[in-house]
Amino acid sequence: MMHKVLFVCTGSICRSPTARGVFQHIVNEAGLSDAVSVDSAATHHFHVGEAPDARAQAAAQKRGYDLSSYVARQIQPEDFRDADLILAMDWENLSALQQRCPKIYHHKLMLLMRFSNEFEEATVPDPYYGGPEGFVKVLDYIEDATQGVLELVRKRVLQYQAA
């Protein structure tokens, strides 16, 4: 059984594709790629069909993550059903997801930073209107928080396999 993790931000060209790339990388390193599916989506349609922001790609590439194959898409109703975890980057995106998500699936919605061990911030800041340092900070937060997500997903995968 595949465990599906979906990362969500406003336009899906900065934060959520970065989280997708980082998490896919650590899932592969953990040997869980056969059991864990990773995706990214936007709450808004602003950038549907676009590649990740060049600054996000450059920052990710410096740390060994490849975001180039991703194309932004907007969250769809079936995502709420199909994903096991839907991780929002900030309060606004979490609120947008809560408004669209059927009540039966609300337990899947969380802020990504709740899984952080190193940082106390509740959200991943949007780097879009700033300079390159914002993309570095986003990577720092995402690398930390996705390690926590990996631990949860690993436990769930092992439970599924044992059942």
N, C-alpha and C. Protein backbone atom coordinates (compact mmCIF):
# COMPACT_ATOMS: atom_id res chain seq x y z
N MET A 1 0.84 -1.19 0.00
CA MET A 1 0.00 0.00 0.00
C MET A 1 0.88 1.25 0.00
N MET A 2 0.60 2.18 -0.89
CA MET A 2 1.38 3.41 -1.04
C MET A 2 0.89 4.47 -0.05
N HIS A 3 1.82 5.09 0.66
CA HIS A 3 1.51 6.19 1.57
C HIS A 3 1.78 7.49 0.82
N LYS A 4 0.78 8.35 0.71
CA LYS A 4 0.89 9.56 -0.12
C LYS A 4 1.01 10.82 0.73
N VAL A 5 2.04 11.61 0.44
CA VAL A 5 2.29 12.88 1.14
C VAL A 5 2.20 13.99 0.11
N LEU A 6 1.38 15.00 0.41
CA LEU A 6 1.17 16.13 -0.48
C LEU A 6 1.56 17.42 0.24
N PHE A 7 2.47 18.18 -0.36
CA PHE A 7 2.89 19.47 0.17
C PHE A 7 2.15 20.56 -0.58
N VAL A 8 1.68 21.59 0.15
CA VAL A 8 0.84 22.62 -0.47
C VAL A 8 1.29 24.02 -0.06
N CYS A 9 1.38 24.90 -1.08
CA CYS A 9 1.61 26.32 -0.84
C CYS A 9 0.74 27.12 -1.80
N THR A 10 0.92 28.39 -1.88
CA THR A 10 0.02 29.26 -2.64
C THR A 10 0.05 28.98 -4.14
N GLY A 11 1.23 29.05 -4.76
CA GLY A 11 1.33 28.89 -6.21
C GLY A 11 2.04 27.63 -6.65
N SER A 12 2.63 26.92 -5.72
CA SER A 12 3.37 25.68 -5.97
C SER A 12 4.54 25.88 -6.93
N ILE A 13 5.25 27.00 -6.74
CA ILE A 13 6.48 27.19 -7.51
C ILE A 13 7.69 27.46 -6.61
N CYS A 14 7.48 27.62 -5.31
CA CYS A 14 8.61 27.88 -4.40
C CYS A 14 8.66 26.83 -3.29
N ARG A 15 7.80 27.00 -2.31
CA ARG A 15 7.89 26.19 -1.10
C ARG A 15 7.46 24.74 -1.29
N SER A 16 6.28 24.50 -1.85
CA SER A 16 5.82 23.11 -1.93
C SER A 16 6.64 22.26 -2.90
N PRO A 17 7.08 22.77 -4.06
CA PRO A 17 7.94 21.92 -4.87
C PRO A 17 9.31 21.68 -4.23
N THR A 18 9.78 22.65 -3.45
CA THR A 18 11.02 22.45 -2.69
C THR A 18 10.82 21.33 -1.68
N ALA A 19 9.72 21.38 -0.95
CA ALA A 19 9.43 20.32 0.03
C ALA A 19 9.28 18.98 -0.68
N ARG A 20 8.63 18.98 -1.81
CA ARG A 20 8.47 17.75 -2.59
C ARG A 20 9.84 17.19 -2.98
N GLY A 21 10.71 18.03 -3.50
CA GLY A 21 12.04 17.58 -3.92
C GLY A 21 12.89 17.08 -2.77
N VAL A 22 12.88 17.81 -1.66
CA VAL A 22 13.66 17.41 -0.49
C VAL A 22 13.11 16.10 0.07
N PHE A 23 11.78 16.02 0.22
CA PHE A 23 11.21 14.82 0.81
C PHE A 23 11.40 13.60 -0.10
N GLN A 24 11.24 13.78 -1.39
CA GLN A 24 11.47 12.66 -2.31
C GLN A 24 12.90 12.16 -2.18
N HIS A 25 13.84 13.08 -2.03
CA HIS A 25 15.25 12.73 -1.87
C HIS A 25 15.46 11.88 -0.61
N ILE A 26 14.91 12.32 0.51
CA ILE A 26 15.14 11.56 1.75
C ILE A 26 14.34 10.26 1.78
N VAL A 27 13.19 10.23 1.11
CA VAL A 27 12.43 8.98 0.98
C VAL A 27 13.26 7.97 0.19
N ASN A 28 13.86 8.43 -0.90
CA ASN A 28 14.72 7.54 -1.71
C ASN A 28 15.91 7.05 -0.90
N GLU A 29 16.56 7.96 -0.17
CA GLU A 29 17.70 7.58 0.65
C GLU A 29 17.32 6.57 1.73
N ALA A 30 16.09 6.68 2.24
CA ALA A 30 15.62 5.78 3.29
C ALA A 30 15.14 4.44 2.73
N GLY A 31 15.15 4.30 1.40
CA GLY A 31 14.71 3.05 0.78
C GLY A 31 13.21 2.85 0.83
N LEU A 32 12.47 3.95 0.87
CA LEU A 32 11.01 3.86 1.00
C LEU A 32 10.28 4.28 -0.28
N SER A 33 10.99 4.44 -1.38
CA SER A 33 10.35 4.96 -2.60
C SER A 33 9.28 4.02 -3.15
N ASP A 34 9.33 2.75 -2.81
CA ASP A 34 8.28 1.82 -3.25
C ASP A 34 7.02 1.93 -2.40
N ALA A 35 7.14 2.58 -1.24
CA ALA A 35 6.01 2.65 -0.31
C ALA A 35 5.48 4.06 -0.09
N VAL A 36 6.20 5.08 -0.55
CA VAL A 36 5.82 6.47 -0.29
C VAL A 36 5.77 7.26 -1.60
N SER A 37 4.66 7.91 -1.82
CA SER A 37 4.45 8.78 -2.98
C SER A 37 4.47 10.23 -2.49
N VAL A 38 5.15 11.10 -3.24
CA VAL A 38 5.33 12.50 -2.84
C VAL A 38 4.83 13.41 -3.96
N ASP A 39 4.07 14.44 -3.60
CA ASP A 39 3.57 15.37 -4.60
C ASP A 39 3.48 16.77 -3.99
N SER A 40 3.14 17.72 -4.85
CA SER A 40 3.03 19.12 -4.47
C SER A 40 1.87 19.73 -5.21
N ALA A 41 1.21 20.70 -4.59
CA ALA A 41 0.08 21.37 -5.24
C ALA A 41 -0.06 22.79 -4.68
N ALA A 42 -0.88 23.57 -5.39
CA ALA A 42 -1.14 24.96 -5.02
C ALA A 42 -2.58 25.13 -4.56
N THR A 43 -2.79 26.10 -3.68
CA THR A 43 -4.16 26.45 -3.31
C THR A 43 -4.76 27.40 -4.34
N HIS A 44 -3.91 28.09 -5.11
CA HIS A 44 -4.37 29.05 -6.11
C HIS A 44 -3.86 28.66 -7.49
N HIS A 45 -4.47 29.19 -8.51
CA HIS A 45 -4.16 28.80 -9.89
C HIS A 45 -3.11 29.68 -10.55
N PHE A 46 -2.50 30.60 -9.83
CA PHE A 46 -1.60 31.61 -10.41
C PHE A 46 -0.52 31.04 -11.34
N HIS A 47 0.07 29.91 -10.99
CA HIS A 47 1.24 29.42 -11.70
C HIS A 47 1.05 28.01 -12.27
N VAL A 48 -0.19 27.56 -12.42
CA VAL A 48 -0.44 26.22 -12.94
C VAL A 48 0.28 26.04 -14.28
N GLY A 49 0.98 24.92 -14.40
CA GLY A 49 1.71 24.61 -15.62
C GLY A 49 3.13 25.12 -15.67
N GLU A 50 3.53 25.89 -14.66
CA GLU A 50 4.88 26.47 -14.64
C GLU A 50 5.85 25.58 -13.87
N ALA A 51 7.12 25.70 -14.23
CA ALA A 51 8.20 25.05 -13.48
C ALA A 51 8.43 25.81 -12.18
N PRO A 52 9.12 25.20 -11.23
CA PRO A 52 9.44 25.93 -10.00
C PRO A 52 10.26 27.19 -10.30
N ASP A 53 10.11 28.18 -9.44
CA ASP A 53 10.86 29.43 -9.52
C ASP A 53 12.35 29.12 -9.69
N ALA A 54 13.01 29.84 -10.58
CA ALA A 54 14.43 29.61 -10.84
C ALA A 54 15.27 29.75 -9.58
N ARG A 55 14.89 30.67 -8.69
CA ARG A 55 15.64 30.85 -7.44
C ARG A 55 15.49 29.64 -6.52
N ALA A 56 14.28 29.06 -6.49
CA ALA A 56 14.05 27.84 -5.70
C ALA A 56 14.87 26.69 -6.27
N GLN A 57 14.88 26.59 -7.59
CA GLN A 57 15.65 25.52 -8.22
C GLN A 57 17.15 25.67 -7.96
N ALA A 58 17.64 26.90 -8.04
CA ALA A 58 19.07 27.15 -7.82
C ALA A 58 19.47 26.82 -6.38
N ALA A 59 18.67 27.26 -5.41
CA ALA A 59 18.97 26.98 -4.00
C ALA A 59 18.93 25.48 -3.73
N ALA A 60 17.93 24.80 -4.28
CA ALA A 60 17.80 23.36 -4.10
C ALA A 60 18.96 22.62 -4.74
N GLN A 61 19.33 23.05 -5.94
CA GLN A 61 20.43 22.39 -6.68
C GLN A 61 21.74 22.46 -5.90
N LYS A 62 21.98 23.59 -5.21
CA LYS A 62 23.20 23.74 -4.42
C LYS A 62 23.29 22.71 -3.30
N ARG A 63 22.13 22.20 -2.87
CA ARG A 63 22.11 21.19 -1.81
C ARG A 63 21.84 19.78 -2.35
N GLY A 64 21.83 19.66 -3.67
CA GLY A 64 21.69 18.33 -4.26
C GLY A 64 20.28 17.87 -4.55
N TYR A 65 19.33 18.78 -4.59
CA TYR A 65 17.93 18.44 -4.88
C TYR A 65 17.57 18.93 -6.28
N ASP A 66 16.90 18.10 -7.04
CA ASP A 66 16.49 18.46 -8.40
C ASP A 66 14.99 18.70 -8.44
N LEU A 67 14.60 19.93 -8.75
CA LEU A 67 13.18 20.29 -8.82
C LEU A 67 12.72 20.45 -10.27
N SER A 68 13.59 20.22 -11.22
CA SER A 68 13.34 20.59 -12.62
C SER A 68 12.19 19.83 -13.28
N SER A 69 11.86 18.65 -12.81
CA SER A 69 10.81 17.86 -13.48
C SER A 69 9.40 18.24 -13.02
N TYR A 70 9.29 19.05 -11.99
CA TYR A 70 7.98 19.38 -11.44
C TYR A 70 7.29 20.48 -12.23
N VAL A 71 5.97 20.35 -12.36
CA VAL A 71 5.13 21.37 -12.98
C VAL A 71 4.01 21.69 -11.99
N ALA A 72 3.80 22.97 -11.72
CA ALA A 72 2.79 23.39 -10.74
C ALA A 72 1.39 22.97 -11.15
N ARG A 73 0.63 22.54 -10.16
CA ARG A 73 -0.77 22.19 -10.36
C ARG A 73 -1.56 22.66 -9.15
N GLN A 74 -2.85 22.84 -9.36
CA GLN A 74 -3.72 23.25 -8.26
C GLN A 74 -4.30 22.02 -7.59
N ILE A 75 -4.51 22.11 -6.30
CA ILE A 75 -5.08 20.98 -5.57
C ILE A 75 -6.46 20.63 -6.14
N GLN A 76 -6.75 19.34 -6.19
CA GLN A 76 -8.00 18.83 -6.74
C GLN A 76 -8.79 18.13 -5.65
N PRO A 77 -10.10 18.01 -5.80
CA PRO A 77 -10.91 17.34 -4.78
C PRO A 77 -10.42 15.93 -4.43
N GLU A 78 -9.95 15.18 -5.41
CA GLU A 78 -9.50 13.81 -5.14
C GLU A 78 -8.22 13.78 -4.31
N ASP A 79 -7.47 14.88 -4.28
CA ASP A 79 -6.27 14.92 -3.44
C ASP A 79 -6.62 14.73 -1.97
N PHE A 80 -7.73 15.28 -1.54
CA PHE A 80 -8.13 15.14 -0.14
C PHE A 80 -8.41 13.68 0.21
N ARG A 81 -8.97 12.96 -0.72
CA ARG A 81 -9.28 11.54 -0.52
C ARG A 81 -8.00 10.71 -0.61
N ASP A 82 -7.18 10.98 -1.62
CA ASP A 82 -6.06 10.09 -1.95
C ASP A 82 -4.82 10.29 -1.09
N ALA A 83 -4.55 11.49 -0.63
CA ALA A 83 -3.35 11.74 0.18
C ALA A 83 -3.56 11.28 1.61
N ASP A 84 -2.50 10.80 2.22
CA ASP A 84 -2.54 10.41 3.63
C ASP A 84 -2.15 11.56 4.54
N LEU A 85 -1.29 12.44 4.05
CA LEU A 85 -0.87 13.65 4.76
C LEU A 85 -0.90 14.80 3.77
N ILE A 86 -1.51 15.91 4.17
CA ILE A 86 -1.53 17.11 3.34
C ILE A 86 -0.93 18.22 4.20
N LEU A 87 0.28 18.64 3.82
CA LEU A 87 1.07 19.53 4.66
C LEU A 87 1.16 20.92 4.05
N ALA A 88 0.55 21.88 4.73
CA ALA A 88 0.52 23.27 4.29
C ALA A 88 1.75 24.00 4.79
N MET A 89 2.17 25.00 4.01
CA MET A 89 3.36 25.77 4.37
C MET A 89 3.06 26.89 5.37
N ASP A 90 1.82 27.39 5.38
CA ASP A 90 1.49 28.50 6.28
C ASP A 90 0.02 28.47 6.64
N TRP A 91 -0.36 29.38 7.54
CA TRP A 91 -1.73 29.43 8.06
C TRP A 91 -2.75 29.73 6.95
N GLU A 92 -2.41 30.61 6.03
CA GLU A 92 -3.34 30.96 4.95
C GLU A 92 -3.65 29.76 4.07
N ASN A 93 -2.63 29.00 3.75
CA ASN A 93 -2.85 27.81 2.93
C ASN A 93 -3.58 26.73 3.71
N LEU A 94 -3.29 26.59 4.98
CA LEU A 94 -4.01 25.63 5.80
C LEU A 94 -5.49 26.00 5.86
N SER A 95 -5.78 27.28 6.03
CA SER A 95 -7.17 27.75 6.06
C SER A 95 -7.87 27.48 4.72
N ALA A 96 -7.19 27.76 3.62
CA ALA A 96 -7.77 27.50 2.30
C ALA A 96 -8.06 26.02 2.12
N LEU A 97 -7.16 25.18 2.59
CA LEU A 97 -7.38 23.73 2.49
C LEU A 97 -8.55 23.30 3.36
N GLN A 98 -8.64 23.84 4.58
CA GLN A 98 -9.74 23.49 5.47
C GLN A 98 -11.09 23.86 4.88
N GLN A 99 -11.14 24.98 4.16
CA GLN A 99 -12.39 25.41 3.55
C GLN A 99 -12.82 24.50 2.41
N ARG A 100 -11.87 23.94 1.68
CA ARG A 100 -12.18 23.08 0.52
C ARG A 100 -12.31 21.61 0.86
N CYS A 101 -11.67 21.21 1.93
CA CYS A 101 -11.57 19.79 2.27
C CYS A 101 -12.86 19.28 2.91
N PRO A 102 -13.37 18.14 2.44
CA PRO A 102 -14.51 17.53 3.12
C PRO A 102 -14.13 17.21 4.58
N LYS A 103 -15.06 17.42 5.49
CA LYS A 103 -14.80 17.25 6.93
C LYS A 103 -14.17 15.89 7.24
N ILE A 104 -14.59 14.87 6.53
CA ILE A 104 -14.10 13.52 6.79
C ILE A 104 -12.58 13.39 6.62
N TYR A 105 -11.97 14.30 5.88
CA TYR A 105 -10.53 14.25 5.62
C TYR A 105 -9.73 15.33 6.35
N HIS A 106 -10.37 16.11 7.20
CA HIS A 106 -9.67 17.21 7.89
C HIS A 106 -8.50 16.72 8.74
N HIS A 107 -8.54 15.50 9.21
CA HIS A 107 -7.45 14.97 10.04
C HIS A 107 -6.13 14.85 9.26
N LYS A 108 -6.18 14.91 7.95
CA LYS A 108 -4.98 14.81 7.11
C LYS A 108 -4.26 16.14 6.97
N LEU A 109 -4.93 17.24 7.29
CA LEU A 109 -4.40 18.59 7.08
C LEU A 109 -3.55 19.04 8.27
N MET A 110 -2.32 19.47 7.99
CA MET A 110 -1.42 19.95 9.04
C MET A 110 -0.46 20.97 8.46
N LEU A 111 0.14 21.73 9.35
CA LEU A 111 1.26 22.59 8.96
C LEU A 111 2.53 21.75 8.92
N LEU A 112 3.33 21.92 7.88
CA LEU A 112 4.58 21.18 7.77
C LEU A 112 5.47 21.40 8.99
N MET A 113 5.55 22.63 9.48
CA MET A 113 6.49 22.96 10.55
C MET A 113 6.13 22.32 11.89
N ARG A 114 4.99 21.68 12.00
CA ARG A 114 4.70 20.97 13.25
C ARG A 114 5.65 19.79 13.42
N PHE A 115 6.32 19.39 12.33
CA PHE A 115 7.26 18.27 12.36
C PHE A 115 8.70 18.72 12.56
N SER A 116 8.92 20.01 12.73
CA SER A 116 10.27 20.55 12.90
C SER A 116 10.82 20.20 14.27
N ASN A 117 12.10 19.91 14.31
CA ASN A 117 12.79 19.66 15.58
C ASN A 117 13.72 20.80 15.95
N GLU A 118 14.20 21.52 14.95
CA GLU A 118 15.24 22.51 15.14
C GLU A 118 14.71 23.94 15.23
N PHE A 119 13.60 24.22 14.59
CA PHE A 119 13.07 25.58 14.51
C PHE A 119 11.75 25.70 15.25
N GLU A 120 11.50 26.86 15.84
CA GLU A 120 10.26 27.08 16.57
C GLU A 120 9.18 27.75 15.73
N GLU A 121 9.52 28.21 14.54
CA GLU A 121 8.54 28.88 13.68
C GLU A 121 7.42 27.91 13.34
N ALA A 122 6.21 28.46 13.25
CA ALA A 122 5.03 27.64 12.94
C ALA A 122 4.85 27.44 11.45
N THR A 123 5.44 28.33 10.64
CA THR A 123 5.19 28.28 9.20
C THR A 123 6.49 28.43 8.42
N VAL A 124 6.41 28.04 7.15
CA VAL A 124 7.52 28.25 6.21
C VAL A 124 7.22 29.56 5.48
N PRO A 125 8.07 30.57 5.61
CA PRO A 125 7.78 31.87 5.00
C PRO A 125 7.86 31.81 3.47
N ASP A 126 7.05 32.62 2.82
CA ASP A 126 7.04 32.67 1.36
C ASP A 126 8.22 33.51 0.89
N PRO A 127 9.16 32.92 0.14
CA PRO A 127 10.34 33.66 -0.29
C PRO A 127 10.16 34.41 -1.60
N TYR A 128 9.00 34.31 -2.22
CA TYR A 128 8.78 34.77 -3.60
C TYR A 128 9.18 36.23 -3.83
N TYR A 129 8.82 37.12 -2.90
CA TYR A 129 9.07 38.55 -3.11
C TYR A 129 10.39 39.04 -2.52
N GLY A 130 11.20 38.10 -2.02
CA GLY A 130 12.47 38.50 -1.43
C GLY A 130 13.65 38.06 -2.26
N GLY A 131 14.81 38.08 -1.63
CA GLY A 131 16.04 37.70 -2.31
C GLY A 131 16.39 36.24 -2.10
N PRO A 132 17.56 35.84 -2.56
CA PRO A 132 17.98 34.44 -2.50
C PRO A 132 18.08 33.89 -1.08
N GLU A 133 18.34 34.77 -0.11
CA GLU A 133 18.46 34.29 1.27
C GLU A 133 17.15 33.68 1.78
N GLY A 134 16.03 34.15 1.27
CA GLY A 134 14.73 33.58 1.66
C GLY A 134 14.59 32.14 1.21
N PHE A 135 15.14 31.81 0.07
CA PHE A 135 15.08 30.44 -0.44
C PHE A 135 15.99 29.51 0.36
N VAL A 136 17.09 30.06 0.87
CA VAL A 136 17.98 29.29 1.73
C VAL A 136 17.28 28.98 3.06
N LYS A 137 16.60 29.99 3.62
CA LYS A 137 15.87 29.79 4.87
C LYS A 137 14.76 28.75 4.67
N VAL A 138 14.06 28.82 3.56
CA VAL A 138 13.01 27.84 3.25
C VAL A 138 13.60 26.43 3.23
N LEU A 139 14.74 26.28 2.59
CA LEU A 139 15.39 24.96 2.56
C LEU A 139 15.77 24.49 3.96
N ASP A 140 16.30 25.38 4.78
CA ASP A 140 16.65 25.01 6.15
C ASP A 140 15.43 24.47 6.89
N TYR A 141 14.33 25.19 6.82
CA TYR A 141 13.10 24.78 7.50
C TYR A 141 12.58 23.46 6.94
N ILE A 142 12.56 23.36 5.63
CA ILE A 142 12.00 22.16 4.99
C ILE A 142 12.87 20.93 5.26
N GLU A 143 14.18 21.08 5.19
CA GLU A 143 15.04 19.92 5.48
C GLU A 143 14.80 19.41 6.90
N ASP A 144 14.65 20.33 7.83
CA ASP A 144 14.41 19.94 9.22
C ASP A 144 13.03 19.27 9.37
N ALA A 145 12.00 19.93 8.91
CA ALA A 145 10.64 19.42 9.12
C ALA A 145 10.39 18.11 8.37
N THR A 146 10.95 17.95 7.18
CA THR A 146 10.69 16.72 6.44
C THR A 146 11.36 15.51 7.10
N GLN A 147 12.40 15.74 7.90
CA GLN A 147 12.96 14.62 8.67
C GLN A 147 11.92 14.09 9.67
N GLY A 148 11.18 15.02 10.28
CA GLY A 148 10.11 14.62 11.19
C GLY A 148 8.98 13.92 10.46
N VAL A 149 8.66 14.41 9.27
CA VAL A 149 7.62 13.76 8.45
C VAL A 149 8.07 12.35 8.09
N LEU A 150 9.34 12.20 7.75
CA LEU A 150 9.85 10.87 7.39
C LEU A 150 9.68 9.88 8.53
N GLU A 151 9.94 10.31 9.74
CA GLU A 151 9.78 9.41 10.89
C GLU A 151 8.34 8.94 11.03
N LEU A 152 7.38 9.85 10.89
CA LEU A 152 5.98 9.48 10.96
C LEU A 152 5.61 8.53 9.83
N VAL A 153 6.00 8.87 8.63
CA VAL A 153 5.66 8.05 7.46
C VAL A 153 6.31 6.67 7.58
N ARG A 154 7.55 6.61 8.05
CA ARG A 154 8.23 5.32 8.22
C ARG A 154 7.44 4.43 9.18
N LYS A 155 6.97 5.00 10.29
CA LYS A 155 6.17 4.23 11.25
C LYS A 155 4.89 3.73 10.61
N ARG A 156 4.22 4.58 9.87
CA ARG A 156 2.97 4.20 9.21
C ARG A 156 3.20 3.10 8.18
N VAL A 157 4.26 3.23 7.40
CA VAL A 157 4.57 2.22 6.38
C VAL A 157 4.84 0.88 7.05
N LEU A 158 5.62 0.88 8.14
CA LEU A 158 5.91 -0.35 8.84
C LEU A 158 4.64 -0.97 9.43
N GLN A 159 3.72 -0.15 9.91
CA GLN A 159 2.45 -0.65 10.43
C GLN A 159 1.63 -1.30 9.30
N TYR A 160 1.60 -0.66 8.13
CA TYR A 160 0.86 -1.21 6.99
C TYR A 160 1.46 -2.54 6.57
N GLN A 161 2.78 -2.61 6.55
CA GLN A 161 3.45 -3.83 6.11
C GLN A 161 3.25 -4.97 7.10
N ALA A 162 3.15 -4.62 8.38
CA ALA A 162 2.97 -5.64 9.41
C ALA A 162 1.53 -6.18 9.44
N ALA A 163 0.59 -5.37 8.96
CA ALA A 163 -0.82 -5.78 9.03
C ALA A 163 -1.17 -6.85 7.99
